[in-house]
Protein backbone atom coordinates (compact mmCIF):
# COMPACT_ATOMS: atom_id res chain seq x y z
CA UNK A 1 -13.24 12.43 -2.05
CA UNK A 2 -9.37 11.29 -0.84
CA UNK A 3 -7.30 9.73 -3.58
CA UNK A 4 -7.38 6.16 -1.83
CA UNK A 5 -11.16 6.37 -2.60
CA UNK A 6 -10.99 7.59 -6.11
CA UNK A 7 -8.46 4.76 -6.67
CA UNK A 8 -10.39 2.17 -5.25
CA UNK A 9 -13.20 3.04 -7.32
CA UNK A 10 -11.41 3.20 -10.49
CA UNK A 11 -9.72 0.01 -10.17
CA UNK A 12 -12.65 -2.13 -8.08
CA UNK A 13 -15.97 -0.70 -8.68
CA UNK A 14 -17.94 -3.92 -8.85
CA UNK A 15 -19.52 -2.66 -12.17
CA UNK A 16 -17.23 -0.01 -13.82
CA UNK A 17 -13.85 -1.04 -12.01
CA UNK A 18 -10.63 -1.15 -14.51
CA UNK A 19 -9.63 -4.77 -13.09
CA UNK A 20 -13.21 -5.78 -13.14
CA UNK A 21 -14.15 -5.10 -16.95
CA UNK A 22 -10.89 -6.49 -18.70
CA UNK A 23 -7.58 -8.59 -19.05
CA UNK A 24 -5.35 -5.45 -18.72
CA UNK A 25 -1.97 -7.35 -19.90
CA UNK A 26 -0.23 -8.19 -23.00
CA UNK A 27 0.23 -5.96 -26.21
CA UNK A 28 -3.48 -5.51 -26.67
CA UNK A 29 -3.79 -4.27 -23.09
CA UNK A 30 -2.08 -1.67 -20.95
CA UNK A 31 0.89 -3.16 -19.29
CA UNK A 32 3.10 -6.25 -19.39
CA UNK A 33 4.54 -7.95 -16.33
CA UNK A 34 7.52 -9.72 -15.71
CA UNK A 35 5.51 -13.35 -15.77
CA UNK A 36 4.49 -12.23 -19.45
CA UNK A 37 8.02 -11.12 -20.60
CA UNK A 38 9.43 -14.87 -20.02
CA UNK A 39 8.56 -18.19 -18.57
CA UNK A 40 12.37 -17.87 -16.67
CA UNK A 41 10.73 -15.29 -14.10
CA UNK A 42 7.85 -17.68 -12.82
CA UNK A 43 10.18 -20.77 -13.29
CA UNK A 44 12.52 -19.26 -10.86
CA UNK A 45 9.90 -18.19 -8.23
CA UNK A 46 8.61 -21.80 -8.34
CA UNK A 47 12.01 -23.11 -7.37
CA UNK A 48 12.15 -20.45 -4.83
CA UNK A 49 9.12 -21.72 -3.57
CA UNK A 50 10.34 -25.17 -3.59
CA UNK A 51 13.52 -24.43 -1.77
CA UNK A 52 11.47 -22.46 1.04
CA UNK A 53 9.19 -25.52 1.40
CA UNK A 54 12.26 -27.88 2.05
CA UNK A 55 13.56 -25.25 4.57
CA UNK A 56 10.50 -25.25 6.46
CA UNK A 57 10.64 -29.07 6.81
CA UNK A 58 8.73 -30.11 3.86
CA UNK A 59 5.36 -30.12 5.61
CA UNK A 60 2.78 -32.52 4.15
CA UNK A 61 0.42 -29.88 3.11
CA UNK A 62 1.54 -26.13 2.39
CA UNK A 63 -1.00 -23.28 1.13
CA UNK A 64 1.05 -21.69 -2.26
CA UNK A 65 -0.84 -18.38 -2.61
CA UNK A 66 -0.69 -15.78 -5.05
CA UNK A 67 -1.98 -12.19 -4.57
CA UNK A 68 -3.05 -10.69 -7.89
CA UNK A 69 -2.32 -13.34 -10.08
CA UNK A 70 -2.87 -11.84 -13.33
CA UNK A 71 -3.27 -14.16 -16.01
CA UNK A 72 -2.25 -17.19 -14.07
CA UNK A 73 1.24 -17.35 -15.94
CA UNK A 74 3.44 -17.08 -12.91
CA UNK A 75 1.75 -19.72 -11.35
CA UNK A 76 1.64 -22.00 -14.41
CA UNK A 77 5.52 -21.73 -15.22
CA UNK A 78 6.13 -21.92 -11.26
CA UNK A 79 4.06 -25.28 -11.09
CA UNK A 80 6.13 -26.56 -14.03
CA UNK A 81 9.51 -25.69 -12.72
CA UNK A 82 8.63 -27.40 -9.20
CA UNK A 83 8.27 -30.74 -10.65
CA UNK A 84 11.83 -31.54 -10.18
CA UNK A 85 10.73 -31.68 -6.80
CA UNK A 86 7.51 -33.99 -7.09
CA UNK A 87 7.21 -33.82 -2.94
CA UNK A 88 6.77 -30.33 -3.21
CA UNK A 89 4.10 -30.81 -5.70
CA UNK A 90 2.06 -33.32 -3.72
CA UNK A 91 2.04 -30.93 -0.70
CA UNK A 92 0.91 -28.01 -2.60
CA UNK A 93 -2.62 -26.71 -2.52
CA UNK A 94 -2.84 -23.67 -5.00
CA UNK A 95 -4.65 -20.71 -3.66
CA UNK A 96 -5.17 -17.32 -5.74
CA UNK A 97 -6.54 -14.19 -4.01
CA UNK A 98 -8.24 -12.43 -7.33
CA UNK A 99 -11.14 -10.22 -7.08
CA UNK A 100 -11.64 -9.75 -11.10
CA UNK A 101 -13.90 -12.18 -12.62
CA UNK A 102 -12.20 -11.50 -16.01
CA UNK A 103 -8.78 -12.65 -14.59
CA UNK A 104 -10.07 -15.49 -13.07
CA UNK A 105 -11.25 -16.55 -16.50
CA UNK A 106 -7.82 -16.20 -17.75
CA UNK A 107 -6.48 -17.89 -14.71
CA UNK A 108 -8.59 -20.92 -14.83
CA UNK A 109 -7.26 -21.21 -18.48
CA UNK A 110 -3.48 -21.24 -17.72
CA UNK A 111 -3.97 -23.79 -14.68
CA UNK A 112 -6.51 -26.18 -16.44
CA UNK A 113 -5.78 -29.53 -14.82
CA UNK A 114 -4.99 -27.75 -11.76
CA UNK A 115 -6.84 -27.77 -8.55
CA UNK A 116 -7.37 -24.15 -7.68
CA UNK A 117 -9.07 -22.19 -4.80
CA UNK A 118 -10.03 -18.66 -5.77
CA UNK A 119 -10.56 -16.24 -2.78
CA UNK A 120 -11.70 -12.33 -2.66
CA UNK A 121 -9.26 -11.73 0.29
CA UNK A 122 -6.17 -13.23 1.83
CA UNK A 123 -8.28 -13.57 5.19
CA UNK A 124 -10.28 -16.26 3.38
CA UNK A 125 -7.31 -18.56 2.69
CA UNK A 126 -7.55 -21.74 4.75
CA UNK A 127 -5.08 -21.81 7.98
CA UNK A 128 -1.85 -23.47 7.76
CA UNK A 129 1.72 -23.10 6.30
CA UNK A 130 1.72 -20.88 3.76
CA UNK A 131 4.07 -19.88 0.90
CA UNK A 132 2.67 -16.55 -0.54
CA UNK A 133 3.76 -14.85 -3.90
CA UNK A 134 2.95 -10.97 -4.70
CA UNK A 135 4.13 -9.83 -8.17
CA UNK A 136 3.16 -6.45 -8.70
CA UNK A 137 0.46 -6.57 -6.33
CA UNK A 138 1.05 -3.71 -3.66
CA UNK A 139 1.86 -0.98 -6.19
CA UNK A 140 -1.96 -1.22 -7.34
CA UNK A 141 -3.41 -0.75 -3.83
CA UNK A 142 -4.89 2.44 -3.02
CA UNK A 143 -2.57 4.92 -1.22
CA UNK A 144 -3.64 8.15 0.93
CA UNK A 145 -1.91 11.46 -0.21
CA UNK A 146 -1.08 14.41 1.67
CA UNK A 147 0.44 17.84 0.80
CA UNK A 148 2.44 20.13 3.16
CA UNK A 149 0.62 23.16 2.92
CA UNK A 150 0.54 26.27 5.16
CA UNK A 151 2.81 24.37 7.63
CA UNK A 152 0.36 21.53 8.17
CA UNK A 153 -0.27 18.12 6.02
CA UNK A 154 -3.60 18.28 4.39
CA UNK A 155 -5.12 15.30 2.79
CA UNK A 156 -5.20 15.43 -1.20
CA UNK A 157 -8.61 14.92 -2.64
CA UNK A 158 -10.44 14.68 -6.07
CA UNK A 159 -13.22 16.74 -6.66
CA UNK A 160 -15.20 18.56 -9.56
CA UNK A 161 -14.23 21.92 -11.14
CA UNK A 162 -16.95 24.78 -12.02
CA UNK A 163 -17.36 23.26 -15.42
CA UNK A 164 -17.46 19.63 -14.15
CA UNK A 165 -13.87 18.38 -14.94
CA UNK A 166 -12.09 16.14 -12.11
CA UNK A 167 -9.25 18.07 -10.46
CA UNK A 168 -6.86 17.67 -7.33
CA UNK A 169 -7.54 19.68 -4.45
CA UNK A 170 -6.94 19.85 -0.51
CA UNK A 171 -8.97 19.07 2.53
CA UNK A 172 -9.48 22.43 4.54
CA UNK A 173 -8.68 20.78 7.89
CA UNK A 174 -5.09 19.79 8.64
CA UNK A 175 -4.54 16.19 8.98
CA UNK A 176 -3.32 15.88 12.83
CA UNK A 177 -2.38 11.93 12.75
CA UNK A 178 0.73 12.50 11.04
CA UNK A 179 3.59 13.23 13.19
CA UNK A 180 6.38 13.83 10.61
CA UNK A 181 7.83 17.36 8.93
CA UNK A 182 8.34 18.09 5.36
CA UNK A 183 8.93 21.18 3.21
CA UNK A 184 6.31 23.42 1.91
CA UNK A 185 4.58 21.56 -1.02
CA UNK A 186 5.99 18.00 0.01
CA UNK A 187 3.83 15.09 -1.19
CA UNK A 188 3.61 12.26 1.55
CA UNK A 189 1.94 9.07 0.46
CA UNK A 190 0.48 6.60 3.02
CA UNK A 191 -0.31 3.18 1.88
CA UNK A 192 -2.71 2.18 4.70
CA UNK A 193 -4.53 -0.86 2.83
CA UNK A 194 -1.07 -2.28 1.60
CA UNK A 195 0.51 -2.10 5.19
CA UNK A 196 -2.62 -3.82 6.83
CA UNK A 197 -2.14 -6.56 4.38
CA UNK A 198 1.43 -6.78 4.87
CA UNK A 199 1.03 -6.77 8.67
CA UNK A 200 -1.73 -9.45 8.42
CA UNK A 201 0.30 -11.53 6.08
CA UNK A 202 3.20 -11.51 8.45
CA UNK A 203 1.20 -12.38 11.79
CA UNK A 204 -0.22 -15.28 9.66
CA UNK A 205 3.12 -16.39 8.82
CA UNK A 206 4.66 -16.07 12.29
CA UNK A 207 1.83 -18.09 13.84
CA UNK A 208 1.37 -20.82 11.13
CA UNK A 209 4.94 -20.76 9.53
CA UNK A 210 5.83 -20.12 5.90
CA UNK A 211 7.30 -17.10 4.04
CA UNK A 212 6.33 -14.59 1.35
CA UNK A 213 7.69 -12.83 -1.55
CA UNK A 214 6.79 -9.60 -2.54
CA UNK A 215 8.33 -8.20 -5.96
CA UNK A 216 7.30 -4.61 -7.21
CA UNK A 217 8.75 -1.41 -8.32
CA UNK A 218 9.11 1.31 -5.73
CA UNK A 219 11.91 3.00 -3.51
CA UNK A 220 13.90 1.34 -0.81
CA UNK A 221 13.69 4.04 1.93
CA UNK A 222 10.52 6.15 2.94
CA UNK A 223 10.58 9.54 1.35
CA UNK A 224 8.34 12.26 -0.10
CA UNK A 225 6.93 12.62 -4.00
CA UNK A 226 3.92 12.08 -5.87
CA UNK A 227 4.12 8.61 -7.70
CA UNK A 228 0.62 8.45 -8.58
CA UNK A 229 0.47 7.20 -12.63
CA UNK A 230 -1.81 5.94 -14.91
CA UNK A 231 -1.08 3.49 -17.85
CA UNK A 232 -3.08 3.14 -20.73
CA UNK A 233 -1.84 1.44 -24.00
CA UNK A 234 1.61 1.19 -22.59
CA UNK A 235 1.72 4.61 -22.47
CA UNK A 236 1.48 7.42 -19.53
CA UNK A 237 -2.16 9.01 -19.04
CA UNK A 238 -3.80 11.42 -17.15
CA UNK A 239 -4.86 9.61 -13.49
CA UNK A 240 -7.86 11.89 -13.75
CA UNK A 241 -9.07 11.31 -17.36
CA UNK A 242 -11.44 8.38 -18.07
CA UNK A 243 -11.76 6.85 -14.57
CA UNK A 244 -11.83 3.28 -14.71
CA UNK A 245 -10.20 3.04 -18.24
CA UNK A 246 -6.58 3.08 -17.23
CA UNK A 247 -4.38 1.34 -14.97
CA UNK A 248 -3.69 3.41 -11.40
CA UNK A 249 -0.61 2.50 -9.29
CA UNK A 250 1.91 4.35 -6.99
CA UNK A 251 5.30 3.17 -6.47
CA UNK A 252 5.73 0.82 -3.18
CA UNK A 253 7.38 1.82 -0.20
CA UNK A 254 9.84 -0.99 0.80
CA UNK A 255 11.03 0.50 3.81
CA UNK A 256 7.60 0.83 5.17
CA UNK A 257 6.41 -2.71 4.01
CA UNK A 258 9.50 -4.00 5.89
CA UNK A 259 8.77 -2.09 9.14
CA UNK A 260 5.00 -3.57 8.96
CA UNK A 261 6.40 -7.11 8.30
CA UNK A 262 8.03 -6.71 11.37
CA UNK A 263 5.39 -5.49 13.44
CA UNK A 264 3.50 -8.58 12.34
CA UNK A 265 6.17 -10.73 13.73
CA UNK A 266 8.09 -12.04 10.60
CA UNK A 267 11.86 -11.61 10.02
CA UNK A 268 12.34 -9.68 6.67
CA UNK A 269 14.90 -10.56 4.10
CA UNK A 270 15.84 -7.61 1.68
CA UNK A 271 14.88 -5.74 -0.10
CA UNK A 272 17.13 -6.32 -3.26
CA UNK A 273 16.99 -5.14 -6.49
CA UNK A 274 14.92 -7.65 -8.94
CA UNK A 275 17.92 -8.05 -11.11
CA UNK A 276 20.23 -9.28 -7.96
CA UNK A 277 17.27 -11.80 -6.86
CA UNK A 278 16.93 -13.28 -10.05
CA UNK A 279 20.62 -13.58 -10.62
CA UNK A 280 21.11 -14.99 -7.26
CA UNK A 281 18.26 -17.64 -8.39
CA UNK A 282 20.27 -18.64 -11.34
CA UNK A 283 18.37 -16.94 -14.42
CA UNK A 284 21.56 -16.52 -16.49
CA UNK A 285 22.07 -20.27 -16.19
CA UNK A 286 18.46 -20.97 -17.00
CA UNK A 287 18.82 -18.78 -20.13
CA UNK A 288 21.77 -20.55 -21.08
CA UNK A 289 19.86 -23.95 -21.05
CA UNK A 290 16.93 -22.35 -22.91
CA UNK A 291 18.93 -21.13 -25.71
CA UNK A 292 20.60 -24.66 -26.48
CA UNK A 293 17.76 -25.63 -28.15
CA UNK A 294 16.63 -22.32 -29.34
CA UNK A 295 16.63 -21.18 -33.22
CA UNK A 296 18.67 -17.99 -33.56
CA UNK A 297 15.40 -15.61 -33.36
CA UNK A 298 14.16 -17.74 -30.20
CA UNK A 299 17.70 -17.26 -28.64
CA UNK A 300 17.81 -13.33 -29.57
CA UNK A 301 14.53 -13.60 -27.84
CA UNK A 302 15.39 -15.24 -24.53
CA UNK A 303 18.66 -12.47 -24.37
CA UNK A 304 16.12 -9.74 -24.89
CA UNK A 305 13.88 -10.84 -22.12
CA UNK A 306 16.84 -11.64 -19.71
CA UNK A 307 18.10 -7.75 -20.29
CA UNK A 308 14.61 -6.46 -19.59
CA UNK A 309 14.24 -8.55 -16.13
CA UNK A 310 17.48 -7.89 -15.22
CA UNK A 311 19.06 -5.10 -16.66
CA UNK A 312 18.97 -1.32 -15.43
CA UNK A 313 18.46 0.72 -18.68
CA UNK A 314 15.31 2.82 -19.42
CA UNK A 315 13.40 0.03 -20.66
CA UNK A 316 14.52 -2.35 -18.18
CA UNK A 317 12.95 -3.66 -14.68
CA UNK A 318 16.21 -4.83 -12.88
CA UNK A 319 17.02 -1.91 -11.01
CA UNK A 320 13.48 -0.41 -10.59
CA UNK A 321 11.78 -3.45 -9.05
CA UNK A 322 12.76 -4.93 -5.93
CA UNK A 323 11.98 -8.11 -4.01
CA UNK A 324 11.60 -8.41 -0.23
CA UNK A 325 10.82 -11.54 1.73
CA UNK A 326 8.85 -11.86 4.72
CA UNK A 327 9.52 -15.20 6.99
CA UNK A 328 8.64 -17.05 10.05
CA UNK A 329 11.70 -16.07 12.28
CA UNK A 330 13.20 -19.76 12.77
CA UNK A 331 13.71 -19.94 9.18
CA UNK A 332 17.02 -19.73 7.41
CA UNK A 333 17.66 -16.87 4.82
CA UNK A 334 15.13 -16.95 1.93
CA UNK A 335 16.38 -18.35 -1.33
CA UNK A 336 17.68 -15.29 -3.96
CA UNK A 337 18.33 -12.97 -0.67
CA UNK A 338 21.80 -11.98 1.06
CA UNK A 339 22.38 -13.40 4.86
CA UNK A 340 21.32 -10.95 7.32
């Protein structure tokens, strides 16, 4: 089967899928996301959304949508920070696009007291102006992979060896739809599902108004390389070992996302590094405010979280992660992004 199909089954099989059967986040899980590292992340996203709503002309009703909302931590922190603009909170209708029953339960706990509508797909969110947030969403979508072999592109497949073990192989027939050259042995990843979602999201925003923010790890320019990776208990794992028991992701191609959004009719802002984006939104000032009432141990934890979110070291997210915005063409530059 194609790598795309393998990833889809591992992650979203209705009975055995990785995201269907567990809460994968936190120290007891397999990975940690920015909202779980510090409240500052979600708070700044909430203020970003409030600023976008104001720039939209403060519509009486706006859909605040999160794609792949994890435990609901980001949305909880965003709504708390947005209390500084009560009119925005009054206009917000919260919509979460989530397929995992386990994570929906955690989201409900985190957002107790908030009226929330859950959806399987973006297309189910009711019409109207929308502000959409997608943190570490696109990296978890299945991708197709092609390998340059014998002067042609051949799709990478997952199959069985003679002794019954999973292994990678290549389709016998060349892929005729790829109009791109490459060196022998090169791997080309094609995130068809993610690009379809980006185009559909952009078309909605262009027609009905609003903006979207996507934050993920990946590369600024399209290129070659095998970025398929598995993570289990916070350590790298074999993507073919124990299907459905590890998180499978690939690096996001931000240049391809930008092209898809423009094709859908929106303006594109960024991409910029997560560190630059959060600094532009004022994360350092927010950290200083939190430290005023913190114990020494709490202040040290705030500094560590800040360094992880905006830094560029081996364990930091500030350089590897990128932020990109899609917006109705009539909107001014989105908060956190430099003017075009």
